[in-house]
Amino acid sequence: MTKYLISFPSDAMVLTDAEFPIVSADAHAVIEEAKAAGVYVFGGGIAEQVAPVLVSADGSVSAEIYPGSGLTGGFTVLELPSREDAVEWARKIATACRCAQELREFMYDPAS
């Protein structure tokens, strides 16, 4: 089984205040479906009000981050038997969230 990251940046989800509770319920329903199917690993959204920091190899901490790495939005990690299955789950999440989803495959690591 392979782990897949399904994600979107926060600016991709453009909703009205009235739409937000409906989309939230739909997205949570897909997550519950993934849990029931036994494929859910982890999910959540980046707390954008908390500034990221960079922790260096020497242990020092700075307010800088890698250029271009401004991560925002929502993420779901699923463990699935095929890329085709991952695309289907990404479709379900895209439909629920009302925005396109990026799909990435994690490299296999026998220690993880």
C-alpha atoms as a PDB file:
ATOM      1  CA  MET A   1       0.000   0.000   0.000  1.00  0.00           C
ATOM      2  CA  THR A   2       1.183   3.494  -0.843  1.00  0.00           C
ATOM      3  CA  LYS A   3       0.531   6.709   1.037  1.00  0.00           C
ATOM      4  CA  TYR A   4      -0.820   9.664  -0.929  1.00  0.00           C
ATOM      5  CA  LEU A   5      -1.060  13.339  -0.054  1.00  0.00           C
ATOM      6  CA  ILE A   6      -4.209  15.099  -1.255  1.00  0.00           C
ATOM      7  CA  SER A   7      -4.062  18.844  -0.650  1.00  0.00           C
ATOM      8  CA  PHE A   8      -5.074  22.336  -1.648  1.00  0.00           C
ATOM      9  CA  PRO A   9      -3.817  25.847  -0.797  1.00  0.00           C
ATOM     10  CA  SER A  10      -6.233  27.911   1.273  1.00  0.00           C
ATOM     11  CA  ASP A  11      -6.737  30.504  -1.462  1.00  0.00           C
ATOM     12  CA  ALA A  12      -8.157  27.778  -3.743  1.00  0.00           C
ATOM     13  CA  MET A  13     -11.239  27.407  -1.564  1.00  0.00           C
ATOM     14  CA  VAL A  14     -13.416  30.432  -2.296  1.00  0.00           C
ATOM     15  CA  LEU A  15     -16.664  30.175  -0.335  1.00  0.00           C
ATOM     16  CA  THR A  16     -19.345  32.468   0.959  1.00  0.00           C
ATOM     17  CA  ASP A  17     -20.161  32.439   4.662  1.00  0.00           C
ATOM     18  CA  ALA A  18     -23.368  30.555   3.821  1.00  0.00           C
ATOM     19  CA  GLU A  19     -21.494  27.877   1.843  1.00  0.00           C
ATOM     20  CA  PHE A  20     -18.839  27.199   4.469  1.00  0.00           C
ATOM     21  CA  PRO A  21     -20.901  24.999   6.842  1.00  0.00           C
ATOM     22  CA  ILE A  22     -22.227  22.939   3.924  1.00  0.00           C
ATOM     23  CA  VAL A  23     -18.759  22.396   2.461  1.00  0.00           C
ATOM     24  CA  SER A  24     -17.369  21.605   5.905  1.00  0.00           C
ATOM     25  CA  ALA A  25     -20.032  18.943   6.440  1.00  0.00           C
ATOM     26  CA  ASP A  26     -19.428  17.465   2.979  1.00  0.00           C
ATOM     27  CA  ALA A  27     -15.648  17.369   3.532  1.00  0.00           C
ATOM     28  CA  HIS A  28     -16.044  15.735   6.947  1.00  0.00           C
ATOM     29  CA  ALA A  29     -18.366  13.143   5.374  1.00  0.00           C
ATOM     30  CA  VAL A  30     -15.651  12.157   2.879  1.00  0.00           C
ATOM     31  CA  ILE A  31     -13.125  11.862   5.724  1.00  0.00           C
ATOM     32  CA  GLU A  32     -15.550   9.657   7.660  1.00  0.00           C
ATOM     33  CA  GLU A  33     -15.955   7.533   4.518  1.00  0.00           C
ATOM     34  CA  ALA A  34     -12.164   7.183   4.253  1.00  0.00           C
ATOM     35  CA  LYS A  35     -11.957   6.199   7.931  1.00  0.00           C
ATOM     36  CA  ALA A  36     -14.720   3.606   7.477  1.00  0.00           C
ATOM     37  CA  ALA A  37     -12.860   2.231   4.439  1.00  0.00           C
ATOM     38  CA  GLY A  38      -9.676   1.904   6.512  1.00  0.00           C
ATOM     39  CA  VAL A  39      -7.596   4.131   4.209  1.00  0.00           C
ATOM     40  CA  TYR A  40      -7.379   7.297   6.342  1.00  0.00           C
ATOM     41  CA  VAL A  41      -3.957   8.068   7.839  1.00  0.00           C
ATOM     42  CA  PHE A  42      -4.060  11.760   8.756  1.00  0.00           C
ATOM     43  CA  GLY A  43      -5.671  15.013   7.769  1.00  0.00           C
ATOM     44  CA  GLY A  44      -6.033  18.608   8.786  1.00  0.00           C
ATOM     45  CA  GLY A  45      -5.468  22.196   7.905  1.00  0.00           C
ATOM     46  CA  ILE A  46      -2.453  24.390   8.458  1.00  0.00           C
ATOM     47  CA  ALA A  47      -2.985  26.864  11.322  1.00  0.00           C
ATOM     48  CA  GLU A  48      -2.167  29.930   9.260  1.00  0.00           C
ATOM     49  CA  GLN A  49      -2.437  32.309  12.221  1.00  0.00           C
ATOM     50  CA  VAL A  50       0.642  30.603  13.726  1.00  0.00           C
ATOM     51  CA  ALA A  51       3.836  31.729  11.995  1.00  0.00           C
ATOM     52  CA  PRO A  52       6.144  28.956  10.777  1.00  0.00           C
ATOM     53  CA  VAL A  53       9.767  28.801  11.907  1.00  0.00           C
ATOM     54  CA  LEU A  54      12.871  27.213  10.455  1.00  0.00           C
ATOM     55  CA  VAL A  55      14.771  24.896  12.794  1.00  0.00           C
ATOM     56  CA  SER A  56      18.354  24.491  11.555  1.00  0.00           C
ATOM     57  CA  ALA A  57      20.583  21.442  11.817  1.00  0.00           C
ATOM     58  CA  ASP A  58      22.461  23.147  14.660  1.00  0.00           C
ATOM     59  CA  GLY A  59      19.177  23.550  16.568  1.00  0.00           C
ATOM     60  CA  SER A  60      18.809  27.287  16.053  1.00  0.00           C
ATOM     61  CA  VAL A  61      15.352  28.644  15.275  1.00  0.00           C
ATOM     62  CA  SER A  62      14.563  31.558  12.964  1.00  0.00           C
ATOM     63  CA  ALA A  63      11.451  33.216  11.562  1.00  0.00           C
ATOM     64  CA  GLU A  64      12.676  32.544   8.028  1.00  0.00           C
ATOM     65  CA  ILE A  65      11.340  29.654   5.958  1.00  0.00           C
ATOM     66  CA  TYR A  66      12.539  28.137   2.710  1.00  0.00           C
ATOM     67  CA  PRO A  67      11.756  30.395  -0.270  1.00  0.00           C
ATOM     68  CA  GLY A  68       8.551  29.306  -1.979  1.00  0.00           C
ATOM     69  CA  SER A  69       7.457  26.969   0.805  1.00  0.00           C
ATOM     70  CA  GLY A  70       4.515  28.992   2.093  1.00  0.00           C
ATOM     71  CA  LEU A  71       2.279  26.026   2.896  1.00  0.00           C
ATOM     72  CA  THR A  72      -1.383  26.778   3.546  1.00  0.00           C
ATOM     73  CA  GLY A  73      -4.676  24.999   3.247  1.00  0.00           C
ATOM     74  CA  GLY A  74      -5.847  21.479   3.888  1.00  0.00           C
ATOM     75  CA  PHE A  75      -4.126  18.129   3.691  1.00  0.00           C
ATOM     76  CA  THR A  76      -5.256  14.516   3.762  1.00  0.00           C
ATOM     77  CA  VAL A  77      -2.980  11.480   3.783  1.00  0.00           C
ATOM     78  CA  LEU A  78      -4.540   8.210   2.657  1.00  0.00           C
ATOM     79  CA  GLU A  79      -2.991   4.760   2.290  1.00  0.00           C
ATOM     80  CA  LEU A  80      -4.260   3.144  -0.891  1.00  0.00           C
ATOM     81  CA  PRO A  81      -3.512   0.187  -3.153  1.00  0.00           C
ATOM     82  CA  SER A  82      -3.145   2.191  -6.379  1.00  0.00           C
ATOM     83  CA  ARG A  83      -2.774   5.625  -7.911  1.00  0.00           C
ATOM     84  CA  GLU A  84      -6.155   5.114  -9.567  1.00  0.00           C
ATOM     85  CA  ASP A  85      -7.712   4.731  -6.114  1.00  0.00           C
ATOM     86  CA  ALA A  86      -5.910   7.898  -5.004  1.00  0.00           C
ATOM     87  CA  VAL A  87      -7.337   9.818  -7.958  1.00  0.00           C
ATOM     88  CA  GLU A  88     -10.843   8.631  -7.023  1.00  0.00           C
ATOM     89  CA  TRP A  89     -10.419   9.800  -3.426  1.00  0.00           C
ATOM     90  CA  ALA A  90      -8.975  13.116  -4.640  1.00  0.00           C
ATOM     91  CA  ARG A  91     -12.107  13.510  -6.791  1.00  0.00           C
ATOM     92  CA  LYS A  92     -14.325  12.924  -3.761  1.00  0.00           C
ATOM     93  CA  ILE A  93     -12.394  15.483  -1.729  1.00  0.00           C
ATOM     94  CA  ALA A  94     -12.390  17.996  -4.615  1.00  0.00           C
ATOM     95  CA  THR A  95     -16.159  17.647  -4.951  1.00  0.00           C
ATOM     96  CA  ALA A  96     -16.695  18.060  -1.213  1.00  0.00           C
ATOM     97  CA  CYS A  97     -14.308  21.034  -0.883  1.00  0.00           C
ATOM     98  CA  ARG A  98     -15.495  22.684  -4.111  1.00  0.00           C
ATOM     99  CA  CYS A  99     -11.908  23.129  -5.297  1.00  0.00           C
ATOM    100  CA  ALA A 100      -9.241  21.197  -7.190  1.00  0.00           C
ATOM    101  CA  GLN A 101      -6.885  18.992  -5.190  1.00  0.00           C
ATOM    102  CA  GLU A 102      -3.198  18.262  -5.725  1.00  0.00           C
ATOM    103  CA  LEU A 103      -2.236  14.600  -5.533  1.00  0.00           C
ATOM    104  CA  ARG A 104       1.249  13.470  -4.540  1.00  0.00           C
ATOM    105  CA  GLU A 105       2.667  10.044  -3.820  1.00  0.00           C
ATOM    106  CA  PHE A 106       4.973   9.430  -0.880  1.00  0.00           C
ATOM    107  CA  MET A 107       8.104   7.416  -1.623  1.00  0.00           C
ATOM    108  CA  TYR A 108       8.138   4.021   0.034  1.00  0.00           C
ATOM    109  CA  ASP A 109      10.111   3.838   3.260  1.00  0.00           C
ATOM    110  CA  PRO A 110      10.038   0.449   4.999  1.00  0.00           C
ATOM    111  CA  ALA A 111      10.859   2.116   8.319  1.00  0.00           C
ATOM    112  CA  SER A 112       7.791   4.377   8.295  1.00  0.00           C
END
